Amino acid sequence: MGRLQRTLSNISEETGTDNGRVGIVAGAIEYPNQPALVGRSSLRTGSDHVRAFVADPIYEIVASHEPNLLVDRYAGEQFEESAVERTREMSEWADALVIGPGLVDADEDAVREAIDTVEIPTVVDALAIEPALEADLSNAVLTPSSKEDDAIQEKYGSLETFTTETDAVITLTGDVDEIVADGERELNETGTSALTVAGTGDTMAGIIASLLGQGMERYEAAELGAWILGKSGELATAEYGPGVLATDVIDCIPNTIR
């Protein structure tokens, strides 16, 4: 844990410098809050600017949810081909991208194309994971839950083989978070059972994206991101008990880093 603590110390000492920009493609009518959770966790991890790119029907919800979040919109109710070019443009502004949280009924070809199009480090989460398996993932961190890795297992046989063949990094969330990279698996040491509450997967994606945007390598960002989420969950649980919420965990991130 000494190495991770040194990395945390470096983050804390860099306050006031350029801490990066994060772009987010997320949310749908059924899940309008996911972009705000991802964005808030990135901001709390230290990102200077975070922009969400969302479907037009949820634009006002997301824009009013978190005043520190920049919000843009695409036409229609689902992410589709017409939004890919705008995603690429956002990626030219950003230092890291998140795609997938709450992205219900997105066109799978459009998701795949968007991931192939962007050149910055990308966190692929939730509903974007399965279509992403046909994309170039050599610059990606995937953040499936233990219920979302079936497509990877079916296609590659194991997460270890997947990371070896694609050069992707995985942070697998569950009772114990696991980091898989280059055919190796490592367990995260922090966490609490309260982290099963809804929204903590979105929180993980936002934390890792922020660390990527601050210049960390993918494996280091995945490992430290899991550690930060787990420790923030411990702090939030100590304060709120069994009623802890994802937003409570997010608001504990600065204390974890400090």
C-alpha atoms as a PDB file:
ATOM      1  CA  MET A   1       0.000   0.000   0.000  1.00  0.00           C
ATOM      2  CA  GLY A   2       3.037   2.264   0.352  1.00  0.00           C
ATOM      3  CA  ARG A   3       3.192   2.876  -3.401  1.00  0.00           C
ATOM      4  CA  LEU A   4      -0.487   3.822  -3.564  1.00  0.00           C
ATOM      5  CA  GLN A   5      -0.101   6.161  -0.602  1.00  0.00           C
ATOM      6  CA  ARG A   6       2.807   7.874  -2.347  1.00  0.00           C
ATOM      7  CA  THR A   7       0.639   8.286  -5.428  1.00  0.00           C
ATOM      8  CA  LEU A   8      -2.164   9.758  -3.315  1.00  0.00           C
ATOM      9  CA  SER A   9       0.347  12.139  -1.798  1.00  0.00           C
ATOM     10  CA  ASN A  10       1.386  13.253  -5.264  1.00  0.00           C
ATOM     11  CA  ILE A  11      -2.246  13.970  -6.183  1.00  0.00           C
ATOM     12  CA  SER A  12      -2.729  16.059  -3.034  1.00  0.00           C
ATOM     13  CA  GLU A  13       0.437  18.051  -3.653  1.00  0.00           C
ATOM     14  CA  GLU A  14      -0.606  18.896  -7.217  1.00  0.00           C
ATOM     15  CA  THR A  15      -3.650  20.949  -6.182  1.00  0.00           C
ATOM     16  CA  GLY A  16      -3.698  24.157  -8.201  1.00  0.00           C
ATOM     17  CA  THR A  17      -2.026  22.637 -11.283  1.00  0.00           C
ATOM     18  CA  ASP A  18      -3.747  21.439 -14.451  1.00  0.00           C
ATOM     19  CA  ASN A  19      -5.676  18.384 -13.248  1.00  0.00           C
ATOM     20  CA  GLY A  20      -7.292  17.462 -16.518  1.00  0.00           C
ATOM     21  CA  ARG A  21     -10.665  17.313 -18.235  1.00  0.00           C
ATOM     22  CA  VAL A  22     -13.107  14.406 -18.355  1.00  0.00           C
ATOM     23  CA  GLY A  23     -15.834  13.807 -20.939  1.00  0.00           C
ATOM     24  CA  ILE A  24     -18.830  11.582 -20.177  1.00  0.00           C
ATOM     25  CA  VAL A  25     -21.237   9.794 -22.526  1.00  0.00           C
ATOM     26  CA  ALA A  26     -23.907   8.356 -20.270  1.00  0.00           C
ATOM     27  CA  GLY A  27     -27.521   8.337 -19.136  1.00  0.00           C
ATOM     28  CA  ALA A  28     -30.936   7.736 -20.670  1.00  0.00           C
ATOM     29  CA  ILE A  29     -34.544   8.511 -19.858  1.00  0.00           C
ATOM     30  CA  GLU A  30     -34.593   5.520 -17.486  1.00  0.00           C
ATOM     31  CA  TYR A  31     -31.257   6.527 -15.877  1.00  0.00           C
ATOM     32  CA  PRO A  32     -30.953  10.330 -15.896  1.00  0.00           C
ATOM     33  CA  ASN A  33     -28.778  10.575 -12.769  1.00  0.00           C
ATOM     34  CA  GLN A  34     -25.798   8.476 -13.867  1.00  0.00           C
ATOM     35  CA  PRO A  35     -23.982  11.287 -15.747  1.00  0.00           C
ATOM     36  CA  ALA A  36     -24.134  13.502 -12.656  1.00  0.00           C
ATOM     37  CA  LEU A  37     -22.792  10.752 -10.376  1.00  0.00           C
ATOM     38  CA  VAL A  38     -19.909  10.044 -12.734  1.00  0.00           C
ATOM     39  CA  GLY A  39     -19.198  13.751 -13.135  1.00  0.00           C
ATOM     40  CA  ARG A  40     -19.346  14.542  -9.435  1.00  0.00           C
ATOM     41  CA  SER A  41     -16.956  11.726  -8.571  1.00  0.00           C
ATOM     42  CA  SER A  42     -14.482  12.954 -11.217  1.00  0.00           C
ATOM     43  CA  LEU A  43     -14.660  16.472  -9.844  1.00  0.00           C
ATOM     44  CA  ARG A  44     -14.186  15.255  -6.269  1.00  0.00           C
ATOM     45  CA  THR A  45     -11.143  13.270  -7.417  1.00  0.00           C
ATOM     46  CA  GLY A  46      -9.584  16.482  -8.672  1.00  0.00           C
ATOM     47  CA  SER A  47     -10.528  17.022 -12.326  1.00  0.00           C
ATOM     48  CA  ASP A  48     -10.661  20.673 -13.318  1.00  0.00           C
ATOM     49  CA  HIS A  49     -13.474  20.369 -15.867  1.00  0.00           C
ATOM     50  CA  VAL A  50     -16.027  17.632 -16.515  1.00  0.00           C
ATOM     51  CA  ARG A  51     -18.506  17.653 -19.406  1.00  0.00           C
ATOM     52  CA  ALA A  52     -21.455  15.276 -19.825  1.00  0.00           C
ATOM     53  CA  PHE A  53     -22.855  14.558 -23.285  1.00  0.00           C
ATOM     54  CA  VAL A  54     -26.434  13.332 -22.861  1.00  0.00           C
ATOM     55  CA  ALA A  55     -29.660  12.684 -24.752  1.00  0.00           C
ATOM     56  CA  ASP A  56     -31.842  15.745 -25.267  1.00  0.00           C
ATOM     57  CA  PRO A  57     -34.772  14.561 -23.054  1.00  0.00           C
ATOM     58  CA  ILE A  58     -32.551  14.373 -19.947  1.00  0.00           C
ATOM     59  CA  TYR A  59     -30.448  17.458 -20.637  1.00  0.00           C
ATOM     60  CA  GLU A  60     -32.292  19.700 -18.185  1.00  0.00           C
ATOM     61  CA  ILE A  61     -32.272  17.041 -15.456  1.00  0.00           C
ATOM     62  CA  VAL A  62     -28.520  16.531 -15.711  1.00  0.00           C
ATOM     63  CA  ALA A  63     -27.770  20.239 -16.081  1.00  0.00           C
ATOM     64  CA  SER A  64     -29.748  21.075 -12.926  1.00  0.00           C
ATOM     65  CA  HIS A  65     -28.466  18.086 -10.944  1.00  0.00           C
ATOM     66  CA  GLU A  66     -24.859  19.222 -10.491  1.00  0.00           C
ATOM     67  CA  PRO A  67     -24.023  22.939 -10.984  1.00  0.00           C
ATOM     68  CA  ASN A  68     -20.286  22.232 -11.309  1.00  0.00           C
ATOM     69  CA  LEU A  69     -20.832  19.941 -14.303  1.00  0.00           C
ATOM     70  CA  LEU A  70     -20.686  21.139 -17.918  1.00  0.00           C
ATOM     71  CA  VAL A  71     -23.482  19.575 -19.975  1.00  0.00           C
ATOM     72  CA  ASP A  72     -24.074  19.201 -23.706  1.00  0.00           C
ATOM     73  CA  ARG A  73     -26.760  17.226 -25.556  1.00  0.00           C
ATOM     74  CA  TYR A  74     -27.395  15.205 -28.669  1.00  0.00           C
ATOM     75  CA  ALA A  75     -30.706  14.851 -30.500  1.00  0.00           C
ATOM     76  CA  GLY A  76     -33.020  11.934 -29.830  1.00  0.00           C
ATOM     77  CA  GLU A  77     -33.559   9.594 -26.905  1.00  0.00           C
ATOM     78  CA  GLN A  78     -30.697   7.140 -27.509  1.00  0.00           C
ATOM     79  CA  PHE A  79     -27.036   7.366 -28.400  1.00  0.00           C
ATOM     80  CA  GLU A  80     -26.700   6.615 -32.104  1.00  0.00           C
ATOM     81  CA  GLU A  81     -24.593   7.287 -35.187  1.00  0.00           C
ATOM     82  CA  SER A  82     -25.430  11.007 -35.309  1.00  0.00           C
ATOM     83  CA  ALA A  83     -23.772  11.513 -31.897  1.00  0.00           C
ATOM     84  CA  VAL A  84     -20.450   9.826 -32.712  1.00  0.00           C
ATOM     85  CA  GLU A  85     -18.824  12.847 -34.363  1.00  0.00           C
ATOM     86  CA  ARG A  86     -19.760  15.097 -31.431  1.00  0.00           C
ATOM     87  CA  THR A  87     -18.266  12.498 -29.096  1.00  0.00           C
ATOM     88  CA  ARG A  88     -15.027  12.640 -31.070  1.00  0.00           C
ATOM     89  CA  GLU A  89     -15.035  16.429 -30.808  1.00  0.00           C
ATOM     90  CA  MET A  90     -15.533  16.218 -27.053  1.00  0.00           C
ATOM     91  CA  SER A  91     -12.638  13.781 -26.838  1.00  0.00           C
ATOM     92  CA  GLU A  92     -10.390  16.393 -28.450  1.00  0.00           C
ATOM     93  CA  TRP A  93     -11.307  18.724 -25.574  1.00  0.00           C
ATOM     94  CA  ALA A  94     -10.983  16.079 -22.852  1.00  0.00           C
ATOM     95  CA  ASP A  95      -8.033  14.159 -21.404  1.00  0.00           C
ATOM     96  CA  ALA A  96     -10.114  11.062 -20.570  1.00  0.00           C
ATOM     97  CA  LEU A  97     -13.547   9.741 -21.497  1.00  0.00           C
ATOM     98  CA  VAL A  98     -16.228   7.658 -19.766  1.00  0.00           C
ATOM     99  CA  ILE A  99     -18.817   5.860 -21.880  1.00  0.00           C
ATOM    100  CA  GLY A 100     -21.628   3.558 -20.805  1.00  0.00           C
ATOM    101  CA  PRO A 101     -23.192   4.299 -17.390  1.00  0.00           C
ATOM    102  CA  GLY A 102     -26.979   4.197 -17.794  1.00  0.00           C
ATOM    103  CA  LEU A 103     -26.645   4.293 -21.594  1.00  0.00           C
ATOM    104  CA  VAL A 104     -29.850   2.317 -22.211  1.00  0.00           C
ATOM    105  CA  ASP A 105     -30.826   1.234 -25.736  1.00  0.00           C
ATOM    106  CA  ALA A 106     -27.767   2.821 -27.320  1.00  0.00           C
ATOM    107  CA  ASP A 107     -26.962   1.749 -30.859  1.00  0.00           C
ATOM    108  CA  GLU A 108     -24.199  -0.830 -30.389  1.00  0.00           C
ATOM    109  CA  ASP A 109     -22.455   0.048 -33.652  1.00  0.00           C
ATOM    110  CA  ALA A 110     -22.392   3.708 -32.630  1.00  0.00           C
ATOM    111  CA  VAL A 111     -20.916   2.855 -29.223  1.00  0.00           C
ATOM    112  CA  ARG A 112     -18.265   0.689 -30.874  1.00  0.00           C
ATOM    113  CA  GLU A 113     -17.437   3.397 -33.393  1.00  0.00           C
ATOM    114  CA  ALA A 114     -17.213   6.061 -30.699  1.00  0.00           C
ATOM    115  CA  ILE A 115     -14.705   3.987 -28.725  1.00  0.00           C
ATOM    116  CA  ASP A 116     -12.665   3.334 -31.872  1.00  0.00           C
ATOM    117  CA  THR A 117     -12.781   7.007 -32.834  1.00  0.00           C
ATOM    118  CA  VAL A 118     -11.445   8.598 -29.646  1.00  0.00           C
ATOM    119  CA  GLU A 119      -7.715   8.568 -28.972  1.00  0.00           C
ATOM    120  CA  ILE A 120      -7.703   9.448 -25.271  1.00  0.00           C
ATOM    121  CA  PRO A 121      -7.833   6.942 -22.374  1.00  0.00           C
ATOM    122  CA  THR A 122     -11.395   5.671 -22.050  1.00  0.00           C
ATOM    123  CA  VAL A 123     -13.333   4.088 -19.197  1.00  0.00           C
ATOM    124  CA  VAL A 124     -15.869   1.651 -20.659  1.00  0.00           C
ATOM    125  CA  ASP A 125     -18.640   0.866 -18.190  1.00  0.00           C
ATOM    126  CA  ALA A 126     -21.935  -0.996 -17.897  1.00  0.00           C
ATOM    127  CA  LEU A 127     -23.990  -1.076 -21.106  1.00  0.00           C
ATOM    128  CA  ALA A 128     -21.054  -0.087 -23.315  1.00  0.00           C
ATOM    129  CA  ILE A 129     -18.980  -3.124 -22.336  1.00  0.00           C
ATOM    130  CA  GLU A 130     -20.514  -5.739 -24.638  1.00  0.00           C
ATOM    131  CA  PRO A 131     -20.448  -3.637 -27.839  1.00  0.00           C
ATOM    132  CA  ALA A 132     -16.919  -2.488 -26.927  1.00  0.00           C
ATOM    133  CA  LEU A 133     -15.603  -6.035 -27.248  1.00  0.00           C
ATOM    134  CA  GLU A 134     -15.353  -5.516 -31.010  1.00  0.00           C
ATOM    135  CA  ALA A 135     -13.493  -2.197 -30.613  1.00  0.00           C
ATOM    136  CA  ASP A 136      -9.831  -1.335 -30.058  1.00  0.00           C
ATOM    137  CA  LEU A 137      -9.418  -1.491 -26.270  1.00  0.00           C
ATOM    138  CA  SER A 138      -5.691  -0.895 -26.048  1.00  0.00           C
ATOM    139  CA  ASN A 139      -6.345   2.478 -24.429  1.00  0.00           C
ATOM    140  CA  ALA A 140      -9.308   1.396 -22.278  1.00  0.00           C
ATOM    141  CA  VAL A 141     -10.173   0.499 -18.714  1.00  0.00           C
ATOM    142  CA  LEU A 142     -13.325  -1.604 -18.414  1.00  0.00           C
ATOM    143  CA  THR A 143     -15.270  -1.404 -15.141  1.00  0.00           C
ATOM    144  CA  PRO A 144     -17.812  -4.254 -15.126  1.00  0.00           C
ATOM    145  CA  SER A 145     -19.620  -5.435 -12.038  1.00  0.00           C
ATOM    146  CA  SER A 146     -19.546  -9.149 -11.273  1.00  0.00           C
ATOM    147  CA  LYS A 147     -22.885  -9.307 -13.143  1.00  0.00           C
ATOM    148  CA  GLU A 148     -21.597  -7.505 -16.244  1.00  0.00           C
ATOM    149  CA  ASP A 149     -18.542  -9.554 -17.191  1.00  0.00           C
ATOM    150  CA  ASP A 150     -20.419 -12.493 -18.754  1.00  0.00           C
ATOM    151  CA  ALA A 151     -19.900 -11.277 -22.324  1.00  0.00           C
ATOM    152  CA  ILE A 152     -16.144 -11.045 -21.733  1.00  0.00           C
ATOM    153  CA  GLN A 153     -15.995 -14.503 -20.192  1.00  0.00           C
ATOM    154  CA  GLU A 154     -18.036 -16.027 -23.021  1.00  0.00           C
ATOM    155  CA  LYS A 155     -15.905 -14.488 -25.756  1.00  0.00           C
ATOM    156  CA  TYR A 156     -12.437 -14.914 -24.233  1.00  0.00           C
ATOM    157  CA  GLY A 157     -12.810 -17.644 -21.619  1.00  0.00           C
ATOM    158  CA  SER A 158     -11.333 -15.570 -18.799  1.00  0.00           C
ATOM    159  CA  LEU A 159     -10.627 -11.978 -17.873  1.00  0.00           C
ATOM    160  CA  GLU A 160      -6.915 -12.731 -17.824  1.00  0.00           C
ATOM    161  CA  THR A 161      -6.972 -13.938 -21.440  1.00  0.00           C
ATOM    162  CA  PHE A 162      -9.041 -10.920 -22.430  1.00  0.00           C
ATOM    163  CA  THR A 163      -6.506  -8.463 -21.032  1.00  0.00           C
ATOM    164  CA  THR A 164      -3.624 -10.311 -22.673  1.00  0.00           C
ATOM    165  CA  GLU A 165      -5.248 -10.385 -26.117  1.00  0.00           C
ATOM    166  CA  THR A 166      -6.708  -6.857 -26.130  1.00  0.00           C
ATOM    167  CA  ASP A 167      -4.291  -4.952 -23.857  1.00  0.00           C
ATOM    168  CA  ALA A 168      -7.328  -3.683 -21.939  1.00  0.00           C
ATOM    169  CA  VAL A 169      -7.324  -3.196 -18.161  1.00  0.00           C
ATOM    170  CA  ILE A 170     -10.263  -4.351 -16.034  1.00  0.00           C
ATOM    171  CA  THR A 171     -11.519  -3.198 -12.655  1.00  0.00           C
ATOM    172  CA  LEU A 172     -14.078  -5.825 -11.646  1.00  0.00           C
ATOM    173  CA  THR A 173     -16.386  -4.614  -8.884  1.00  0.00           C
ATOM    174  CA  GLY A 174     -17.958  -7.046  -6.439  1.00  0.00           C
ATOM    175  CA  ASP A 175     -17.671  -8.163  -2.832  1.00  0.00           C
ATOM    176  CA  VAL A 176     -13.939  -7.616  -3.321  1.00  0.00           C
ATOM    177  CA  ASP A 177     -12.836  -5.416  -6.207  1.00  0.00           C
ATOM    178  CA  GLU A 178     -10.241  -6.947  -8.518  1.00  0.00           C
ATOM    179  CA  ILE A 179      -7.846  -5.405 -11.009  1.00  0.00           C
ATOM    180  CA  VAL A 180      -6.916  -7.514 -14.038  1.00  0.00           C
ATOM    181  CA  ALA A 181      -4.183  -6.484 -16.473  1.00  0.00           C
ATOM    182  CA  ASP A 182      -1.684  -8.246 -18.710  1.00  0.00           C
ATOM    183  CA  GLY A 183      -3.010 -11.614 -17.629  1.00  0.00           C
ATOM    184  CA  GLU A 184      -2.554 -10.927 -13.917  1.00  0.00           C
ATOM    185  CA  ARG A 185      -5.204 -10.428 -11.218  1.00  0.00           C
ATOM    186  CA  GLU A 186      -4.863  -8.396  -8.029  1.00  0.00           C
ATOM    187  CA  LEU A 187      -7.318  -7.889  -5.163  1.00  0.00           C
ATOM    188  CA  ASN A 188      -8.144  -4.462  -3.749  1.00  0.00           C
ATOM    189  CA  GLU A 189      -7.698  -4.156   0.012  1.00  0.00           C
ATOM    190  CA  THR A 190     -10.284  -1.487   0.840  1.00  0.00           C
ATOM    191  CA  GLY A 191     -14.082  -1.460   0.911  1.00  0.00           C
ATOM    192  CA  THR A 192     -17.236  -2.211   2.824  1.00  0.00           C
ATOM    193  CA  SER A 193     -20.480  -4.085   2.198  1.00  0.00           C
ATOM    194  CA  ALA A 194     -22.230  -0.701   1.942  1.00  0.00           C
ATOM    195  CA  LEU A 195     -20.628  -0.258  -1.482  1.00  0.00           C
ATOM    196  CA  THR A 196     -23.327  -2.480  -2.975  1.00  0.00           C
ATOM    197  CA  VAL A 197     -25.594   0.591  -2.919  1.00  0.00           C
ATOM    198  CA  ALA A 198     -26.714   1.878  -6.334  1.00  0.00           C
ATOM    199  CA  GLY A 199     -24.413   4.406  -7.953  1.00  0.00           C
ATOM    200  CA  THR A 200     -21.053   3.194  -6.671  1.00  0.00           C
ATOM    201  CA  GLY A 201     -20.188   1.662 -10.051  1.00  0.00           C
ATOM    202  CA  ASP A 202     -20.735   5.085 -11.612  1.00  0.00           C
ATOM    203  CA  THR A 203     -18.557   6.524  -8.863  1.00  0.00           C
ATOM    204  CA  MET A 204     -15.760   4.082  -9.701  1.00  0.00           C
ATOM    205  CA  ALA A 205     -15.895   5.037 -13.380  1.00  0.00           C
ATOM    206  CA  GLY A 206     -15.663   8.729 -12.535  1.00  0.00           C
ATOM    207  CA  ILE A 207     -12.735   8.267 -10.158  1.00  0.00           C
ATOM    208  CA  ILE A 208     -10.705   6.227 -12.636  1.00  0.00           C
ATOM    209  CA  ALA A 209     -11.442   8.663 -15.469  1.00  0.00           C
ATOM    210  CA  SER A 210     -10.262  11.563 -13.322  1.00  0.00           C
ATOM    211  CA  LEU A 211      -6.998   9.775 -12.534  1.00  0.00           C
ATOM    212  CA  LEU A 212      -6.493   8.993 -16.225  1.00  0.00           C
ATOM    213  CA  GLY A 213      -7.158  12.623 -17.063  1.00  0.00           C
ATOM    214  CA  GLN A 214      -4.511  13.630 -14.539  1.00  0.00           C
ATOM    215  CA  GLY A 215      -1.973  11.590 -16.475  1.00  0.00           C
ATOM    216  CA  MET A 216      -1.855   8.220 -14.722  1.00  0.00           C
ATOM    217  CA  GLU A 217      -1.207   5.011 -16.610  1.00  0.00           C
ATOM    218  CA  ARG A 218      -4.243   2.768 -16.952  1.00  0.00           C
ATOM    219  CA  TYR A 219      -3.199   0.043 -14.520  1.00  0.00           C
ATOM    220  CA  GLU A 220      -2.193   2.547 -11.871  1.00  0.00           C
ATOM    221  CA  ALA A 221      -5.466   4.471 -12.305  1.00  0.00           C
ATOM    222  CA  ALA A 222      -7.497   1.259 -12.066  1.00  0.00           C
ATOM    223  CA  GLU A 223      -5.684   0.092  -8.948  1.00  0.00           C
ATOM    224  CA  LEU A 224      -5.750   3.447  -7.199  1.00  0.00           C
ATOM    225  CA  GLY A 225      -9.336   4.095  -8.287  1.00  0.00           C
ATOM    226  CA  ALA A 226     -10.520   0.904  -6.598  1.00  0.00           C
ATOM    227  CA  TRP A 227      -8.553   1.802  -3.479  1.00  0.00           C
ATOM    228  CA  ILE A 228     -10.006   5.323  -3.333  1.00  0.00           C
ATOM    229  CA  LEU A 229     -13.573   4.063  -3.788  1.00  0.00           C
ATOM    230  CA  GLY A 230     -13.132   1.428  -1.085  1.00  0.00           C
ATOM    231  CA  LYS A 231     -11.550   3.793   1.424  1.00  0.00           C
ATOM    232  CA  SER A 232     -14.162   6.489   0.704  1.00  0.00           C
ATOM    233  CA  GLY A 233     -16.837   3.854   1.304  1.00  0.00           C
ATOM    234  CA  GLU A 234     -15.251   3.036   4.655  1.00  0.00           C
ATOM    235  CA  LEU A 235     -15.227   6.700   5.671  1.00  0.00           C
ATOM    236  CA  ALA A 236     -18.841   7.204   4.554  1.00  0.00           C
ATOM    237  CA  THR A 237     -20.006   4.071   6.352  1.00  0.00           C
ATOM    238  CA  ALA A 238     -18.301   5.181   9.559  1.00  0.00           C
ATOM    239  CA  GLU A 239     -20.294   8.422   9.384  1.00  0.00           C
ATOM    240  CA  TYR A 240     -23.675   7.257   8.052  1.00  0.00           C
ATOM    241  CA  GLY A 241     -23.876   3.569   8.921  1.00  0.00           C
ATOM    242  CA  PRO A 242     -26.017   1.235   6.797  1.00  0.00           C
ATOM    243  CA  GLY A 243     -27.862   4.143   5.148  1.00  0.00           C
ATOM    244  CA  VAL A 244     -24.820   5.328   3.207  1.00  0.00           C
ATOM    245  CA  LEU A 245     -25.516   6.628  -0.330  1.00  0.00           C
ATOM    246  CA  ALA A 246     -23.301   6.857  -3.389  1.00  0.00           C
ATOM    247  CA  THR A 247     -23.260  10.630  -3.003  1.00  0.00           C
ATOM    248  CA  ASP A 248     -21.980  10.209   0.566  1.00  0.00           C
ATOM    249  CA  VAL A 249     -19.129   8.089  -0.768  1.00  0.00           C
ATOM    250  CA  ILE A 250     -18.349  10.677  -3.449  1.00  0.00           C
ATOM    251  CA  ASP A 251     -18.180  13.477  -0.907  1.00  0.00           C
ATOM    252  CA  CYS A 252     -15.631  11.481   1.119  1.00  0.00           C
ATOM    253  CA  ILE A 253     -13.205  11.220  -1.828  1.00  0.00           C
ATOM    254  CA  PRO A 254     -11.276  14.433  -0.986  1.00  0.00           C
ATOM    255  CA  ASN A 255     -10.741  13.230   2.585  1.00  0.00           C
ATOM    256  CA  THR A 256      -9.455   9.901   1.266  1.00  0.00           C
ATOM    257  CA  ILE A 257      -6.966  11.651  -1.005  1.00  0.00           C
ATOM    258  CA  ARG A 258      -5.980  14.111   1.709  1.00  0.00           C
END
